[in-house]
Amino acid sequence: MELVPNNQSYLPESEAFYLPHHGVVREESISTKLRVVFNGSAKSSNSVSLNEALYTGPKLQPDVFKILLNFRTFPIAISADIEKMYRQIRIHSEDADFQRIIWRTDTNHPLSTYRLLTVTYGTSCAPYLAIRTLHQLAADEMSTSPEACKIISEHFYVADLLTGANSVSHAKVLVSEINRVLQSGGFTLKKWASNIVDVLDSCRT
C-alpha cells in the first residue's frame, strides 16, 4: 500500500471508497498469526457497497470435486499453496483509490489515508482476478513448460495446489517446473506436502 499525498486526500464519492478493516488473530496459524480483514460489502453513505459496484467476473475456478478426484489417481501426492497470493497481484493504478483505508502505525500518531495497490481479500472480484492471473501466467509460459502450465491451470483451487505424479523422478521435475513458472510471475509456493520424503526434500531446495 502507499500513503495518499495530502493534495489527493479529497476525492468525490464517485472516485474513491474507504474500506473498513479489522484484525483477526489466529493463534493456531503457523504462518500468519494476525490477518487483516477488509469489508468490501460495507455500504457507503450512498447505501452502495464496493462489492455491489464491482464486476465479479465469470467463474474460472475448476470444479473442486474434479480436482480431488484427479489428485487421488496419483500414487505420489504433491500439495502446496501460494504464499499471500492476492498481495502478489497488482491492480491498475486508476483503481487503487477505490481501496483506500484509514491507518496509523501508532495510537499517538494522526490518522493517515492509504490506498491498497494489490488485489484485496474481501472484494467480490478478488477470486476471479487471482485465478485469471494464474491462467494468464500459465498461458504465457506454455511453450516452455506445457505440463507444469496445464497443472497450474487445472490443479489449483484458488491458491491451493493438489496434484501428483506416477514416479519420484517425474514428481521432482514437476515440482521444479511448477516452482519456476510461478516464480516468474512473482508467486512463491509454501506448505509443501507429499507422501514421499524424497519428493518433499526436493520441494525445499
Foldseek 3Di string as FASTA:
>chain_A
DFFDDPVRPDDPPVQAAAWDKDWDADPPDPPDRIDIATAQCDADPVRHGNQNVDDQDDDQFADPVVLVVQLVVEPKKKKWFWDPQQLLAFDDPSCQRHAKYWDDPDPVDDITIDTRGTQHPNHSNSLVVSLVLQLVLLVVCCVPPVVLSVQSSHQDRRGMGIHHHHDLVVLLVSLVVVQVSQVVSVIHIDPMDIPDPSSVVSNVD
